[in-house]
């Protein structure tokens, strides 16, 4: 069983959770870097493919 299933719900708990702001800037930067790496890798392989068959 998960902690969620065992947790007790308190009357003001939902309002408190909505007030907490979680910064996702690090996640966004990581995803952008990973996407850029994948795009660059694909582009380099595609250029290599064209140079071999051109």
PDB file of N, CA and C in Angstrom:
ATOM      1  N   UNK A   1       0.835  -1.184   0.000  1.00  0.00           N
ATOM      2  CA  UNK A   1       0.000   0.000   0.000  1.00  0.00           C
ATOM      3  C   UNK A   1       0.882   1.250   0.000  1.00  0.00           C
ATOM      4  N   UNK A   2       0.406   2.264  -0.661  1.00  0.00           N
ATOM      5  CA  UNK A   2       1.200   3.484  -0.752  1.00  0.00           C
ATOM      6  C   UNK A   2       0.916   4.398   0.429  1.00  0.00           C
ATOM      7  N   UNK A   3       1.775   5.393   0.595  1.00  0.00           N
ATOM      8  CA  UNK A   3       1.576   6.385   1.654  1.00  0.00           C
ATOM      9  C   UNK A   3       0.291   7.172   1.428  1.00  0.00           C
ATOM     10  N   UNK A   4      -0.065   7.362   0.143  1.00  0.00           N
ATOM     11  CA  UNK A   4      -1.269   8.128  -0.168  1.00  0.00           C
ATOM     12  C   UNK A   4      -2.512   7.440   0.393  1.00  0.00           C
ATOM     13  N   UNK A   5      -2.538   6.127   0.278  1.00  0.00           N
ATOM     14  CA  UNK A   5      -3.698   5.382   0.752  1.00  0.00           C
ATOM     15  C   UNK A   5      -3.789   5.396   2.277  1.00  0.00           C
ATOM     16  N   UNK A   6      -2.653   5.520   2.961  1.00  0.00           N
ATOM     17  CA  UNK A   6      -2.634   5.511   4.421  1.00  0.00           C
ATOM     18  C   UNK A   6      -2.731   6.904   5.031  1.00  0.00           C
ATOM     19  N   UNK A   7      -2.562   7.936   4.200  1.00  0.00           N
ATOM     20  CA  UNK A   7      -2.557   9.286   4.764  1.00  0.00           C
ATOM     21  C   UNK A   7      -3.962   9.701   5.182  1.00  0.00           C
ATOM     22  N   UNK A   8      -3.999  10.505   6.219  1.00  0.00           N
ATOM     23  CA  UNK A   8      -5.278  11.020   6.691  1.00  0.00           C
ATOM     24  C   UNK A   8      -5.540  12.357   6.031  1.00  0.00           C
ATOM     25  N   UNK A   9      -6.764  12.575   5.619  1.00  0.00           N
ATOM     26  CA  UNK A   9      -7.127  13.839   4.981  1.00  0.00           C
ATOM     27  C   UNK A   9      -7.574  14.823   6.052  1.00  0.00           C
ATOM     28  N   UNK A  10      -6.956  15.972   6.066  1.00  0.00           N
ATOM     29  CA  UNK A  10      -7.324  17.028   7.011  1.00  0.00           C
ATOM     30  C   UNK A  10      -8.115  18.089   6.268  1.00  0.00           C
ATOM     31  N   UNK A  11      -9.059  18.734   6.928  1.00  0.00           N
ATOM     32  CA  UNK A  11      -9.939  19.693   6.244  1.00  0.00           C
ATOM     33  C   UNK A  11      -9.217  20.788   5.461  1.00  0.00           C
ATOM     34  N   UNK A  12      -8.152  21.360   5.981  1.00  0.00           N
ATOM     35  CA  UNK A  12      -7.466  22.452   5.295  1.00  0.00           C
ATOM     36  C   UNK A  12      -6.293  22.007   4.450  1.00  0.00           C
ATOM     37  N   UNK A  13      -6.133  20.711   4.282  1.00  0.00           N
ATOM     38  CA  UNK A  13      -4.941  20.181   3.613  1.00  0.00           C
ATOM     39  C   UNK A  13      -4.897  20.547   2.128  1.00  0.00           C
ATOM     40  N   UNK A  14      -6.011  20.486   1.428  1.00  0.00           N
ATOM     41  CA  UNK A  14      -6.020  20.781  -0.005  1.00  0.00           C
ATOM     42  C   UNK A  14      -5.631  22.234  -0.265  1.00  0.00           C
ATOM     43  N   UNK A  15      -6.116  23.152   0.539  1.00  0.00           N
ATOM     44  CA  UNK A  15      -5.787  24.570   0.365  1.00  0.00           C
ATOM     45  C   UNK A  15      -4.301  24.805   0.608  1.00  0.00           C
ATOM     46  N   UNK A  16      -3.722  24.115   1.584  1.00  0.00           N
ATOM     47  CA  UNK A  16      -2.292  24.264   1.861  1.00  0.00           C
ATOM     48  C   UNK A  16      -1.455  23.748   0.700  1.00  0.00           C
ATOM     49  N   UNK A  17      -1.857  22.644   0.097  1.00  0.00           N
ATOM     50  CA  UNK A  17      -1.107  22.082  -1.020  1.00  0.00           C
ATOM     51  C   UNK A  17      -1.155  22.996  -2.239  1.00  0.00           C
ATOM     52  N   UNK A  18      -2.253  23.696  -2.449  1.00  0.00           N
ATOM     53  CA  UNK A  18      -2.366  24.589  -3.597  1.00  0.00           C
ATOM     54  C   UNK A  18      -1.486  25.823  -3.434  1.00  0.00           C
ATOM     55  N   UNK A  19      -1.183  26.220  -2.222  1.00  0.00           N
ATOM     56  CA  UNK A  19      -0.369  27.415  -1.980  1.00  0.00           C
ATOM     57  C   UNK A  19       1.114  27.160  -2.186  1.00  0.00           C
ATOM     58  N   UNK A  20       1.540  25.918  -2.060  1.00  0.00           N
ATOM     59  CA  UNK A  20       2.965  25.596  -2.199  1.00  0.00           C
ATOM     60  C   UNK A  20       3.341  25.627  -3.681  1.00  0.00           C
ATOM     61  N   UNK A  21       4.338  26.435  -4.020  1.00  0.00           N
ATOM     62  CA  UNK A  21       4.817  26.528  -5.391  1.00  0.00           C
ATOM     63  C   UNK A  21       6.088  25.698  -5.527  1.00  0.00           C
ATOM     64  N   UNK A  22       6.113  24.823  -6.499  1.00  0.00           N
ATOM     65  CA  UNK A  22       7.288  23.994  -6.750  1.00  0.00           C
ATOM     66  C   UNK A  22       7.981  24.545  -7.985  1.00  0.00           C
ATOM     67  N   UNK A  23       9.262  24.842  -7.861  1.00  0.00           N
ATOM     68  CA  UNK A  23      10.020  25.362  -8.993  1.00  0.00           C
ATOM     69  C   UNK A  23      10.425  24.214  -9.905  1.00  0.00           C
ATOM     70  N   UNK A  24      10.033  24.314 -11.163  1.00  0.00           N
ATOM     71  CA  UNK A  24      10.361  23.282 -12.143  1.00  0.00           C
ATOM     72  C   UNK A  24      11.373  23.796 -13.161  1.00  0.00           C
ATOM     73  N   UNK A  25      12.081  24.874 -12.808  1.00  0.00           N
ATOM     74  CA  UNK A  25      13.054  25.445 -13.742  1.00  0.00           C
ATOM     75  C   UNK A  25      14.161  24.442 -14.060  1.00  0.00           C
ATOM     76  N   UNK A  26      14.646  23.729 -13.054  1.00  0.00           N
ATOM     77  CA  UNK A  26      15.695  22.739 -13.276  1.00  0.00           C
ATOM     78  C   UNK A  26      15.226  21.612 -14.175  1.00  0.00           C
ATOM     79  N   UNK A  27      13.980  21.193 -13.990  1.00  0.00           N
ATOM     80  CA  UNK A  27      13.411  20.142 -14.834  1.00  0.00           C
ATOM     81  C   UNK A  27      13.292  20.626 -16.270  1.00  0.00           C
ATOM     82  N   UNK A  28      12.823  21.861 -16.434  1.00  0.00           N
ATOM     83  CA  UNK A  28      12.673  22.429 -17.774  1.00  0.00           C
ATOM     84  C   UNK A  28      14.019  22.501 -18.486  1.00  0.00           C
ATOM     85  N   UNK A  29      15.045  22.980 -17.791  1.00  0.00           N
ATOM     86  CA  UNK A  29      16.378  23.085 -18.387  1.00  0.00           C
ATOM     87  C   UNK A  29      16.901  21.702 -18.758  1.00  0.00           C
ATOM     88  N   UNK A  30      16.699  20.732 -17.891  1.00  0.00           N
ATOM     89  CA  UNK A  30      17.164  19.366 -18.172  1.00  0.00           C
ATOM     90  C   UNK A  30      16.476  18.788 -19.402  1.00  0.00           C
ATOM     91  N   UNK A  31      15.176  18.988 -19.512  1.00  0.00           N
ATOM     92  CA  UNK A  31      14.433  18.478 -20.663  1.00  0.00           C
ATOM     93  C   UNK A  31      14.879  19.185 -21.941  1.00  0.00           C
ATOM     94  N   UNK A  32      15.116  20.494 -21.865  1.00  0.00           N
ATOM     95  CA  UNK A  32      15.578  21.227 -23.046  1.00  0.00           C
ATOM     96  C   UNK A  32      16.968  20.771 -23.482  1.00  0.00           C
ATOM     97  N   UNK A  33      17.856  20.541 -22.518  1.00  0.00           N
ATOM     98  CA  UNK A  33      19.194  20.061 -22.857  1.00  0.00           C
ATOM     99  C   UNK A  33      19.133  18.670 -23.480  1.00  0.00           C
ATOM    100  N   UNK A  34      18.317  17.798 -22.922  1.00  0.00           N
ATOM    101  CA  UNK A  34      18.182  16.456 -23.472  1.00  0.00           C
ATOM    102  C   UNK A  34      17.585  16.502 -24.875  1.00  0.00           C
ATOM    103  N   UNK A  35      16.567  17.336 -25.065  1.00  0.00           N
ATOM    104  CA  UNK A  35      15.962  17.484 -26.388  1.00  0.00           C
ATOM    105  C   UNK A  35      16.946  18.061 -27.394  1.00  0.00           C
ATOM    106  N   UNK A  36      17.728  19.041 -26.976  1.00  0.00           N
ATOM    107  CA  UNK A  36      18.741  19.613 -27.860  1.00  0.00           C
ATOM    108  C   UNK A  36      19.801  18.595 -28.245  1.00  0.00           C
ATOM    109  N   UNK A  37      20.222  17.790 -27.275  1.00  0.00           N
ATOM    110  CA  UNK A  37      21.195  16.734 -27.554  1.00  0.00           C
ATOM    111  C   UNK A  37      20.643  15.726 -28.553  1.00  0.00           C
ATOM    112  N   UNK A  38      19.396  15.321 -28.362  1.00  0.00           N
ATOM    113  CA  UNK A  38      18.782  14.352 -29.283  1.00  0.00           C
ATOM    114  C   UNK A  38      18.634  14.940 -30.685  1.00  0.00           C
ATOM    115  N   UNK A  39      18.204  16.194 -30.774  1.00  0.00           N
ATOM    116  CA  UNK A  39      18.047  16.842 -32.078  1.00  0.00           C
ATOM    117  C   UNK A  39      19.397  16.989 -32.780  1.00  0.00           C
ATOM    118  N   UNK A  40      20.416  17.396 -32.039  1.00  0.00           N
ATOM    119  CA  UNK A  40      21.753  17.551 -32.621  1.00  0.00           C
ATOM    120  C   UNK A  40      22.313  16.200 -33.086  1.00  0.00           C
ATOM    121  N   UNK A  41      22.121  15.173 -32.274  1.00  0.00           N
ATOM    122  CA  UNK A  41      22.594  13.838 -32.643  1.00  0.00           C
ATOM    123  C   UNK A  41      21.892  13.353 -33.907  1.00  0.00           C
ATOM    124  N   UNK A  42      20.555  13.527 -33.966  1.00  0.00           N
ATOM    125  CA  UNK A  42      19.801  13.110 -35.144  1.00  0.00           C
ATOM    126  C   UNK A  42      20.289  13.869 -36.380  1.00  0.00           C
ATOM    127  N   UNK A  43      20.514  15.179 -36.235  1.00  0.00           N
ATOM    128  CA  UNK A  43      20.965  15.995 -37.356  1.00  0.00           C
ATOM    129  C   UNK A  43      22.341  15.549 -37.851  1.00  0.00           C
ATOM    130  N   UNK A  44      23.250  15.280 -36.926  1.00  0.00           N
ATOM    131  CA  UNK A  44      24.587  14.829 -37.323  1.00  0.00           C
ATOM    132  C   UNK A  44      24.545  13.469 -38.020  1.00  0.00           C
ATOM    133  N   UNK A  45      23.722  12.561 -37.535  1.00  0.00           N
ATOM    134  CA  UNK A  45      23.596  11.248 -38.183  1.00  0.00           C
ATOM    135  C   UNK A  45      22.957  11.404 -39.556  1.00  0.00           C
ATOM    136  N   UNK A  46      21.982  12.294 -39.682  1.00  0.00           N
ATOM    137  CA  UNK A  46      21.335  12.529 -40.969  1.00  0.00           C
ATOM    138  C   UNK A  46      22.325  13.115 -41.972  1.00  0.00           C
ATOM    139  N   UNK A  47      23.144  14.061 -41.538  1.00  0.00           N
ATOM    140  CA  UNK A  47      24.179  14.640 -42.421  1.00  0.00           C
ATOM    141  C   UNK A  47      25.182  13.560 -42.823  1.00  0.00           C
ATOM    142  N   UNK A  48      25.548  12.708 -41.911  1.00  0.00           N
ATOM    143  CA  UNK A  48      26.450  11.597 -42.237  1.00  0.00           C
ATOM    144  C   UNK A  48      25.819  10.664 -43.245  1.00  0.00           C
ATOM    145  N   UNK A  49      24.537  10.375 -43.099  1.00  0.00           N
ATOM    146  CA  UNK A  49      23.816   9.538 -44.041  1.00  0.00           C
ATOM    147  C   UNK A  49      23.802  10.161 -45.437  1.00  0.00           C
ATOM    148  N   UNK A  50      23.524  11.480 -45.492  1.00  0.00           N
ATOM    149  CA  UNK A  50      23.495  12.144 -46.795  1.00  0.00           C
ATOM    150  C   UNK A  50      24.872  12.162 -47.457  1.00  0.00           C
ATOM    151  N   UNK A  51      25.919  12.340 -46.657  1.00  0.00           N
ATOM    152  CA  UNK A  51      27.254  12.387 -47.240  1.00  0.00           C
ATOM    153  C   UNK A  51      27.705  11.010 -47.756  1.00  0.00           C
ATOM    154  N   UNK A  52      27.216   9.949 -47.173  1.00  0.00           N
ATOM    155  CA  UNK A  52      27.567   8.605 -47.625  1.00  0.00           C
ATOM    156  C   UNK A  52      26.802   8.209 -48.880  1.00  0.00           C
ATOM    157  N   UNK A  53      25.598   8.713 -49.058  1.00  0.00           N
ATOM    158  CA  UNK A  53      24.753   8.307 -50.169  1.00  0.00           C
ATOM    159  C   UNK A  53      24.591   9.407 -51.210  1.00  0.00           C
ATOM    160  N   UNK A  54      25.360  10.465 -51.115  1.00  0.00           N
ATOM    161  CA  UNK A  54      25.148  11.586 -52.025  1.00  0.00           C
ATOM    162  C   UNK A  54      26.075  11.675 -53.145  1.00  0.00           C
TER     163      UNK A  54
END
